[in-house]
Amino acid sequence: MMMQERTHTDAEGAILFDADASPQVGHDWFAPDYWRGRGALRTQPGGRGGVAIVATLVGECVLRHYRRGGLVAALMGDRYLWTGADRTRPFAEFRLLAEIARLELPGPAVVAARYCRHGMFYSADLITRRIADARTLAECLAAGRLDGELAEEVGALVARFHRAGVWHADLNAHNVLVTPDGLHLIDFDRGRMRIPSVAWQEANLRRLRRSLLKLGAAAGSEATFEKAIWQPLLYRYGRTLKP
């Protein structure tokens, strides 16, 4: 899938957008209050990332404000060091998502990205199309819906991205979406294209495993988790990675 990439630059910062989705995207698109005033702000959950669901002219979208996590958040909040437009978090994620779409992988369709300059720093936002009727893998686990069949689907999903050389910086159960039509991988902040390598691919899988264990996937016993969930996931992963 190809897109028509355009950039609008002004004194405030710059917006990178898909002109095929919308011929014009202004700074107001990135302000939840703008959508609230039009009755188009669907939800605005709390937590890191400042995610809002908004009803735009191109359909329901996810508006995400970039925020730091951990100890750095107390010092930097939502500010990042400026090292050039093409190296900003939103522009890098926009272009990675565009490549994911070109490769026909199941990721979120990107609409627009923005940075705002603040001297030596910048703040940032990203708009992607909302994936309808989705639950996270973490939610499926909590609801008792993570079984061997779903685990195999997760393995196949991850393998497709790995085979294409897409590295996800934070592969965890919250970033895998399950829908009636299939699975999707989301949140590619800091992700990038890499030459396929067993080292980073296995590190990615270990990260996913830690996430599942942290969420209680081995509440019965780790041996049961290994047999019922993890081994089916790895089996399908291997079959898909090297068909």
C-alpha atoms as a PDB file:
ATOM      1  CA  MET A   1       0.000   0.000   0.000  1.00  0.00           C
ATOM      2  CA  MET A   2       1.466   3.346  -1.098  1.00  0.00           C
ATOM      3  CA  MET A   3       0.780   6.740   0.408  1.00  0.00           C
ATOM      4  CA  GLN A   4       1.335  10.332  -0.640  1.00  0.00           C
ATOM      5  CA  GLU A   5       3.663  11.773   1.995  1.00  0.00           C
ATOM      6  CA  ARG A   6       3.527  15.526   2.548  1.00  0.00           C
ATOM      7  CA  THR A   7       5.110  17.843   5.099  1.00  0.00           C
ATOM      8  CA  HIS A   8       3.852  21.179   6.390  1.00  0.00           C
ATOM      9  CA  THR A   9       6.423  23.254   8.287  1.00  0.00           C
ATOM     10  CA  ASP A  10       5.779  26.462  10.216  1.00  0.00           C
ATOM     11  CA  ALA A  11       7.124  28.413  13.184  1.00  0.00           C
ATOM     12  CA  GLU A  12       5.527  25.973  15.631  1.00  0.00           C
ATOM     13  CA  GLY A  13       7.045  22.807  14.171  1.00  0.00           C
ATOM     14  CA  ALA A  14       6.117  20.421  11.368  1.00  0.00           C
ATOM     15  CA  ILE A  15       3.399  17.967  10.376  1.00  0.00           C
ATOM     16  CA  LEU A  16       4.036  14.884   8.247  1.00  0.00           C
ATOM     17  CA  PHE A  17       0.851  13.401   6.801  1.00  0.00           C
ATOM     18  CA  ASP A  18      -0.656  11.079   4.227  1.00  0.00           C
ATOM     19  CA  ALA A  19      -2.306  13.320   1.646  1.00  0.00           C
ATOM     20  CA  ASP A  20      -4.257  10.329   0.310  1.00  0.00           C
ATOM     21  CA  ALA A  21      -6.008  10.129   3.686  1.00  0.00           C
ATOM     22  CA  SER A  22      -6.552  13.896   4.047  1.00  0.00           C
ATOM     23  CA  PRO A  23      -5.305  16.700   1.752  1.00  0.00           C
ATOM     24  CA  GLN A  24      -4.754  18.987   4.746  1.00  0.00           C
ATOM     25  CA  VAL A  25      -3.850  18.304   8.384  1.00  0.00           C
ATOM     26  CA  GLY A  26      -3.430  21.211  10.799  1.00  0.00           C
ATOM     27  CA  HIS A  27      -2.115  21.520  14.345  1.00  0.00           C
ATOM     28  CA  ASP A  28      -5.693  21.423  15.640  1.00  0.00           C
ATOM     29  CA  TRP A  29      -5.925  17.765  14.646  1.00  0.00           C
ATOM     30  CA  PHE A  30      -3.498  16.963  17.471  1.00  0.00           C
ATOM     31  CA  ALA A  31      -5.477  18.776  20.202  1.00  0.00           C
ATOM     32  CA  PRO A  32      -8.084  16.676  22.082  1.00  0.00           C
ATOM     33  CA  ASP A  33      -9.970  19.886  22.947  1.00  0.00           C
ATOM     34  CA  TYR A  34     -10.458  20.557  19.225  1.00  0.00           C
ATOM     35  CA  TRP A  35     -12.253  17.246  18.823  1.00  0.00           C
ATOM     36  CA  ARG A  36     -14.111  17.643  22.122  1.00  0.00           C
ATOM     37  CA  GLY A  37     -15.531  20.960  20.909  1.00  0.00           C
ATOM     38  CA  ARG A  38     -16.931  19.175  17.862  1.00  0.00           C
ATOM     39  CA  GLY A  39     -18.357  16.278  19.830  1.00  0.00           C
ATOM     40  CA  ALA A  40     -15.801  14.007  18.172  1.00  0.00           C
ATOM     41  CA  LEU A  41     -13.704  13.010  21.199  1.00  0.00           C
ATOM     42  CA  ARG A  42     -14.764   9.434  21.887  1.00  0.00           C
ATOM     43  CA  THR A  43     -12.478   8.475  24.773  1.00  0.00           C
ATOM     44  CA  GLN A  44      -9.409   9.887  26.431  1.00  0.00           C
ATOM     45  CA  PRO A  45      -7.929   7.229  28.756  1.00  0.00           C
ATOM     46  CA  GLY A  46      -5.234   8.239  31.204  1.00  0.00           C
ATOM     47  CA  GLY A  47      -1.784   6.750  31.536  1.00  0.00           C
ATOM     48  CA  ARG A  48       1.493   7.149  29.719  1.00  0.00           C
ATOM     49  CA  GLY A  49       1.156   8.179  26.115  1.00  0.00           C
ATOM     50  CA  GLY A  50      -1.977  10.347  26.473  1.00  0.00           C
ATOM     51  CA  VAL A  51      -4.068   8.272  24.040  1.00  0.00           C
ATOM     52  CA  ALA A  52      -7.396   9.603  22.753  1.00  0.00           C
ATOM     53  CA  ILE A  53      -9.922   8.152  20.293  1.00  0.00           C
ATOM     54  CA  VAL A  54     -11.249  10.804  17.906  1.00  0.00           C
ATOM     55  CA  ALA A  55     -13.804  10.723  15.082  1.00  0.00           C
ATOM     56  CA  THR A  56     -12.096  12.456  12.153  1.00  0.00           C
ATOM     57  CA  LEU A  57     -13.061  13.017   8.533  1.00  0.00           C
ATOM     58  CA  VAL A  58     -11.070   9.880   7.670  1.00  0.00           C
ATOM     59  CA  GLY A  59     -12.788   7.739  10.304  1.00  0.00           C
ATOM     60  CA  GLU A  60     -12.072   6.909  13.936  1.00  0.00           C
ATOM     61  CA  CYS A  61      -8.441   7.480  14.792  1.00  0.00           C
ATOM     62  CA  VAL A  62      -6.070   7.063  17.710  1.00  0.00           C
ATOM     63  CA  LEU A  63      -4.327  10.283  18.772  1.00  0.00           C
ATOM     64  CA  ARG A  64      -1.237   9.577  20.849  1.00  0.00           C
ATOM     65  CA  HIS A  65       0.873  12.176  22.621  1.00  0.00           C
ATOM     66  CA  TYR A  66       4.412  10.947  23.199  1.00  0.00           C
ATOM     67  CA  ARG A  67       5.397  10.821  26.853  1.00  0.00           C
ATOM     68  CA  ARG A  68       8.426   9.379  28.552  1.00  0.00           C
ATOM     69  CA  GLY A  69       8.134   6.562  31.064  1.00  0.00           C
ATOM     70  CA  GLY A  70      10.063   5.568  34.151  1.00  0.00           C
ATOM     71  CA  LEU A  71      12.380   7.866  36.073  1.00  0.00           C
ATOM     72  CA  VAL A  72      13.117  10.047  33.033  1.00  0.00           C
ATOM     73  CA  ALA A  73       9.471  11.144  32.970  1.00  0.00           C
ATOM     74  CA  ALA A  74       9.922  13.098  36.200  1.00  0.00           C
ATOM     75  CA  LEU A  75      12.672  15.169  34.585  1.00  0.00           C
ATOM     76  CA  MET A  76      11.654  15.386  30.927  1.00  0.00           C
ATOM     77  CA  GLY A  77       7.902  14.751  30.858  1.00  0.00           C
ATOM     78  CA  ASP A  78       6.916  14.920  27.198  1.00  0.00           C
ATOM     79  CA  ARG A  79      10.101  16.603  25.922  1.00  0.00           C
ATOM     80  CA  TYR A  80      12.756  14.990  23.724  1.00  0.00           C
ATOM     81  CA  LEU A  81      16.156  16.302  22.676  1.00  0.00           C
ATOM     82  CA  TRP A  82      16.130  17.879  19.214  1.00  0.00           C
ATOM     83  CA  THR A  83      18.568  16.217  16.787  1.00  0.00           C
ATOM     84  CA  GLY A  84      16.826  16.968  13.492  1.00  0.00           C
ATOM     85  CA  ALA A  85      13.357  16.556  11.966  1.00  0.00           C
ATOM     86  CA  ASP A  86      13.937  13.140  10.402  1.00  0.00           C
ATOM     87  CA  ARG A  87      15.205  11.775  13.726  1.00  0.00           C
ATOM     88  CA  THR A  88      12.155  12.815  15.734  1.00  0.00           C
ATOM     89  CA  ARG A  89      10.135   9.987  17.285  1.00  0.00           C
ATOM     90  CA  PRO A  90       6.894  10.716  15.377  1.00  0.00           C
ATOM     91  CA  PHE A  91       8.490  11.117  11.938  1.00  0.00           C
ATOM     92  CA  ALA A  92      10.483   7.900  12.402  1.00  0.00           C
ATOM     93  CA  GLU A  93       7.383   5.993  13.505  1.00  0.00           C
ATOM     94  CA  PHE A  94       5.305   7.467  10.663  1.00  0.00           C
ATOM     95  CA  ARG A  95       7.804   6.242   8.073  1.00  0.00           C
ATOM     96  CA  LEU A  96       8.156   2.831   9.695  1.00  0.00           C
ATOM     97  CA  LEU A  97       4.367   2.420   9.665  1.00  0.00           C
ATOM     98  CA  ALA A  98       4.334   3.475   6.010  1.00  0.00           C
ATOM     99  CA  GLU A  99       6.870   0.731   5.259  1.00  0.00           C
ATOM    100  CA  ILE A 100       4.837  -1.786   7.283  1.00  0.00           C
ATOM    101  CA  ALA A 101       1.799  -0.898   5.158  1.00  0.00           C
ATOM    102  CA  ARG A 102       3.857  -1.261   1.964  1.00  0.00           C
ATOM    103  CA  LEU A 103       4.916  -4.728   3.130  1.00  0.00           C
ATOM    104  CA  GLU A 104       1.226  -5.539   3.756  1.00  0.00           C
ATOM    105  CA  LEU A 105       1.861  -6.402   7.386  1.00  0.00           C
ATOM    106  CA  PRO A 106      -0.959  -6.011   9.954  1.00  0.00           C
ATOM    107  CA  GLY A 107      -0.010  -2.789  11.713  1.00  0.00           C
ATOM    108  CA  PRO A 108      -1.918   0.462  12.292  1.00  0.00           C
ATOM    109  CA  ALA A 109      -2.476   2.693   9.255  1.00  0.00           C
ATOM    110  CA  VAL A 110      -0.747   6.009   9.893  1.00  0.00           C
ATOM    111  CA  VAL A 111      -2.490   9.310   9.146  1.00  0.00           C
ATOM    112  CA  ALA A 112      -0.229  12.061  10.477  1.00  0.00           C
ATOM    113  CA  ALA A 113       2.682  12.890  12.774  1.00  0.00           C
ATOM    114  CA  ARG A 114       3.735  16.176  14.366  1.00  0.00           C
ATOM    115  CA  TYR A 115       6.554  17.689  16.346  1.00  0.00           C
ATOM    116  CA  CYS A 116       6.593  21.075  18.089  1.00  0.00           C
ATOM    117  CA  ARG A 117       9.911  22.760  18.788  1.00  0.00           C
ATOM    118  CA  HIS A 118      10.763  24.021  22.284  1.00  0.00           C
ATOM    119  CA  GLY A 119      14.303  25.355  21.946  1.00  0.00           C
ATOM    120  CA  MET A 120      16.676  22.396  22.251  1.00  0.00           C
ATOM    121  CA  PHE A 121      13.717  20.048  22.749  1.00  0.00           C
ATOM    122  CA  TYR A 122      10.500  19.008  21.047  1.00  0.00           C
ATOM    123  CA  SER A 123       7.157  17.418  21.907  1.00  0.00           C
ATOM    124  CA  ALA A 124       5.356  15.039  19.587  1.00  0.00           C
ATOM    125  CA  ASP A 125       2.100  13.392  18.525  1.00  0.00           C
ATOM    126  CA  LEU A 126       0.944  10.657  16.151  1.00  0.00           C
ATOM    127  CA  ILE A 127      -2.420   9.871  14.566  1.00  0.00           C
ATOM    128  CA  THR A 128      -3.245   6.374  13.299  1.00  0.00           C
ATOM    129  CA  ARG A 129      -6.485   4.785  12.184  1.00  0.00           C
ATOM    130  CA  ARG A 130      -8.262   2.916  14.959  1.00  0.00           C
ATOM    131  CA  ILE A 131      -8.363  -0.869  14.609  1.00  0.00           C
ATOM    132  CA  ALA A 132     -12.010  -1.750  15.216  1.00  0.00           C
ATOM    133  CA  ASP A 133     -13.356  -4.427  17.573  1.00  0.00           C
ATOM    134  CA  ALA A 134      -9.924  -5.051  19.084  1.00  0.00           C
ATOM    135  CA  ARG A 135      -8.822  -6.382  22.452  1.00  0.00           C
ATOM    136  CA  THR A 136      -5.238  -6.534  23.581  1.00  0.00           C
ATOM    137  CA  LEU A 137      -3.578  -9.877  24.176  1.00  0.00           C
ATOM    138  CA  ALA A 138      -3.274  -8.785  27.814  1.00  0.00           C
ATOM    139  CA  GLU A 139      -7.068  -8.379  27.982  1.00  0.00           C
ATOM    140  CA  CYS A 140      -7.555 -11.794  26.382  1.00  0.00           C
ATOM    141  CA  LEU A 141      -5.246 -13.309  28.986  1.00  0.00           C
ATOM    142  CA  ALA A 142      -7.154 -11.631  31.825  1.00  0.00           C
ATOM    143  CA  ALA A 143     -10.430 -12.955  30.396  1.00  0.00           C
ATOM    144  CA  GLY A 144      -9.076 -16.505  30.181  1.00  0.00           C
ATOM    145  CA  ARG A 145      -9.087 -16.493  26.373  1.00  0.00           C
ATOM    146  CA  LEU A 146      -5.388 -17.137  25.791  1.00  0.00           C
ATOM    147  CA  ASP A 147      -5.124 -20.762  24.698  1.00  0.00           C
ATOM    148  CA  GLY A 148      -2.850 -22.762  22.423  1.00  0.00           C
ATOM    149  CA  GLU A 149      -4.734 -21.733  19.278  1.00  0.00           C
ATOM    150  CA  LEU A 150      -4.443 -18.019  20.010  1.00  0.00           C
ATOM    151  CA  ALA A 151      -0.825 -18.495  21.069  1.00  0.00           C
ATOM    152  CA  GLU A 152      -0.094 -20.003  17.639  1.00  0.00           C
ATOM    153  CA  GLU A 153      -1.668 -16.976  15.960  1.00  0.00           C
ATOM    154  CA  VAL A 154       0.556 -14.691  18.041  1.00  0.00           C
ATOM    155  CA  GLY A 155       3.607 -16.699  16.998  1.00  0.00           C
ATOM    156  CA  ALA A 156       2.674 -16.380  13.329  1.00  0.00           C
ATOM    157  CA  LEU A 157       2.088 -12.639  13.717  1.00  0.00           C
ATOM    158  CA  VAL A 158       5.478 -11.980  15.287  1.00  0.00           C
ATOM    159  CA  ALA A 159       7.224 -14.179  12.717  1.00  0.00           C
ATOM    160  CA  ARG A 160       5.762 -12.213   9.805  1.00  0.00           C
ATOM    161  CA  PHE A 161       7.245  -8.998  11.151  1.00  0.00           C
ATOM    162  CA  HIS A 162      10.570 -10.637  11.998  1.00  0.00           C
ATOM    163  CA  ARG A 163      10.838 -12.227   8.563  1.00  0.00           C
ATOM    164  CA  ALA A 164      10.411  -8.786   6.989  1.00  0.00           C
ATOM    165  CA  GLY A 165      13.081  -7.305   9.281  1.00  0.00           C
ATOM    166  CA  VAL A 166      10.720  -5.206  11.417  1.00  0.00           C
ATOM    167  CA  TRP A 167      12.046  -4.797  14.960  1.00  0.00           C
ATOM    168  CA  HIS A 168       9.515  -3.809  17.637  1.00  0.00           C
ATOM    169  CA  ALA A 169      11.181  -1.973  20.524  1.00  0.00           C
ATOM    170  CA  ASP A 170       8.578  -3.002  23.120  1.00  0.00           C
ATOM    171  CA  LEU A 171       6.995  -6.299  22.127  1.00  0.00           C
ATOM    172  CA  ASN A 172       4.542  -7.092  24.912  1.00  0.00           C
ATOM    173  CA  ALA A 173       1.009  -8.362  25.435  1.00  0.00           C
ATOM    174  CA  HIS A 174      -0.427  -4.833  25.439  1.00  0.00           C
ATOM    175  CA  ASN A 175       0.847  -4.190  21.905  1.00  0.00           C
ATOM    176  CA  VAL A 176      -0.766  -7.232  20.290  1.00  0.00           C
ATOM    177  CA  LEU A 177      -4.373  -6.602  19.225  1.00  0.00           C
ATOM    178  CA  VAL A 178      -6.834  -9.441  18.663  1.00  0.00           C
ATOM    179  CA  THR A 179      -9.813  -8.821  16.357  1.00  0.00           C
ATOM    180  CA  PRO A 180     -12.403 -11.083  14.703  1.00  0.00           C
ATOM    181  CA  ASP A 181     -10.475 -10.615  11.447  1.00  0.00           C
ATOM    182  CA  GLY A 182      -7.014 -11.414  12.789  1.00  0.00           C
ATOM    183  CA  LEU A 183      -4.151 -10.070  14.881  1.00  0.00           C
ATOM    184  CA  HIS A 184      -2.308  -6.763  14.651  1.00  0.00           C
ATOM    185  CA  LEU A 185       0.869  -5.348  16.154  1.00  0.00           C
ATOM    186  CA  ILE A 186       0.777  -1.726  17.362  1.00  0.00           C
ATOM    187  CA  ASP A 187       2.959   0.984  18.965  1.00  0.00           C
ATOM    188  CA  PHE A 188       6.138   1.084  16.883  1.00  0.00           C
ATOM    189  CA  ASP A 189       7.751   3.979  18.755  1.00  0.00           C
ATOM    190  CA  ARG A 190      11.548   3.487  18.528  1.00  0.00           C
ATOM    191  CA  GLY A 191      11.066   0.485  16.230  1.00  0.00           C
ATOM    192  CA  ARG A 192      13.060   0.185  13.015  1.00  0.00           C
ATOM    193  CA  MET A 193      13.957  -2.006  10.075  1.00  0.00           C
ATOM    194  CA  ARG A 194      16.846  -4.390  10.720  1.00  0.00           C
ATOM    195  CA  ILE A 195      18.620  -7.167   8.887  1.00  0.00           C
ATOM    196  CA  PRO A 196      16.942 -10.362  10.149  1.00  0.00           C
ATOM    197  CA  SER A 197      19.086 -11.919  12.873  1.00  0.00           C
ATOM    198  CA  VAL A 198      18.481 -14.686  15.397  1.00  0.00           C
ATOM    199  CA  ALA A 199      19.946 -12.496  18.173  1.00  0.00           C
ATOM    200  CA  TRP A 200      17.417  -9.659  18.051  1.00  0.00           C
ATOM    201  CA  GLN A 201      14.542 -11.924  17.064  1.00  0.00           C
ATOM    202  CA  GLU A 202      15.063 -14.154  20.110  1.00  0.00           C
ATOM    203  CA  ALA A 203      15.492 -11.100  22.350  1.00  0.00           C
ATOM    204  CA  ASN A 204      12.128  -9.855  21.059  1.00  0.00           C
ATOM    205  CA  LEU A 205      10.499 -13.180  21.895  1.00  0.00           C
ATOM    206  CA  ARG A 206      12.017 -13.191  25.380  1.00  0.00           C
ATOM    207  CA  ARG A 207      10.532  -9.750  25.956  1.00  0.00           C
ATOM    208  CA  LEU A 208       7.091 -11.015  24.967  1.00  0.00           C
ATOM    209  CA  ARG A 209       7.488 -14.037  27.246  1.00  0.00           C
ATOM    210  CA  ARG A 210       8.420 -11.818  30.216  1.00  0.00           C
ATOM    211  CA  SER A 211       5.347  -9.706  29.542  1.00  0.00           C
ATOM    212  CA  LEU A 212       3.041 -12.727  29.566  1.00  0.00           C
ATOM    213  CA  LEU A 213       4.580 -14.096  32.755  1.00  0.00           C
ATOM    214  CA  LYS A 214       4.338 -10.703  34.445  1.00  0.00           C
ATOM    215  CA  LEU A 215       0.626 -10.618  33.603  1.00  0.00           C
ATOM    216  CA  GLY A 216       0.064 -14.008  35.213  1.00  0.00           C
ATOM    217  CA  ALA A 217       0.088 -16.375  32.237  1.00  0.00           C
ATOM    218  CA  ALA A 218       1.849 -18.965  34.411  1.00  0.00           C
ATOM    219  CA  ALA A 219      -0.473 -18.522  37.394  1.00  0.00           C
ATOM    220  CA  GLY A 220      -1.187 -22.259  37.393  1.00  0.00           C
ATOM    221  CA  SER A 221       2.394 -23.355  36.858  1.00  0.00           C
ATOM    222  CA  GLU A 222       5.213 -22.366  34.553  1.00  0.00           C
ATOM    223  CA  ALA A 223       5.335 -25.919  33.219  1.00  0.00           C
ATOM    224  CA  THR A 224       1.691 -25.661  32.136  1.00  0.00           C
ATOM    225  CA  PHE A 225       2.329 -22.268  30.533  1.00  0.00           C
ATOM    226  CA  GLU A 226       5.337 -23.694  28.695  1.00  0.00           C
ATOM    227  CA  LYS A 227       3.387 -26.641  27.298  1.00  0.00           C
ATOM    228  CA  ALA A 228       0.003 -25.035  26.628  1.00  0.00           C
ATOM    229  CA  ILE A 229       1.020 -21.539  25.519  1.00  0.00           C
ATOM    230  CA  TRP A 230       4.691 -20.927  24.877  1.00  0.00           C
ATOM    231  CA  GLN A 231       5.574 -24.056  22.913  1.00  0.00           C
ATOM    232  CA  PRO A 232       2.593 -23.662  20.518  1.00  0.00           C
ATOM    233  CA  LEU A 233       3.612 -20.018  20.033  1.00  0.00           C
ATOM    234  CA  LEU A 234       7.210 -20.966  19.232  1.00  0.00           C
ATOM    235  CA  TYR A 235       6.118 -23.826  16.966  1.00  0.00           C
ATOM    236  CA  ARG A 236       3.985 -21.561  14.764  1.00  0.00           C
ATOM    237  CA  TYR A 237       6.615 -18.828  14.929  1.00  0.00           C
ATOM    238  CA  GLY A 238       9.255 -21.176  13.532  1.00  0.00           C
ATOM    239  CA  ARG A 239       6.963 -22.544  10.813  1.00  0.00           C
ATOM    240  CA  THR A 240       6.052 -19.022   9.686  1.00  0.00           C
ATOM    241  CA  LEU A 241       9.539 -17.546   9.921  1.00  0.00           C
ATOM    242  CA  LYS A 242      11.003 -20.181   7.602  1.00  0.00           C
ATOM    243  CA  PRO A 243       8.135 -21.740   5.637  1.00  0.00           C
END
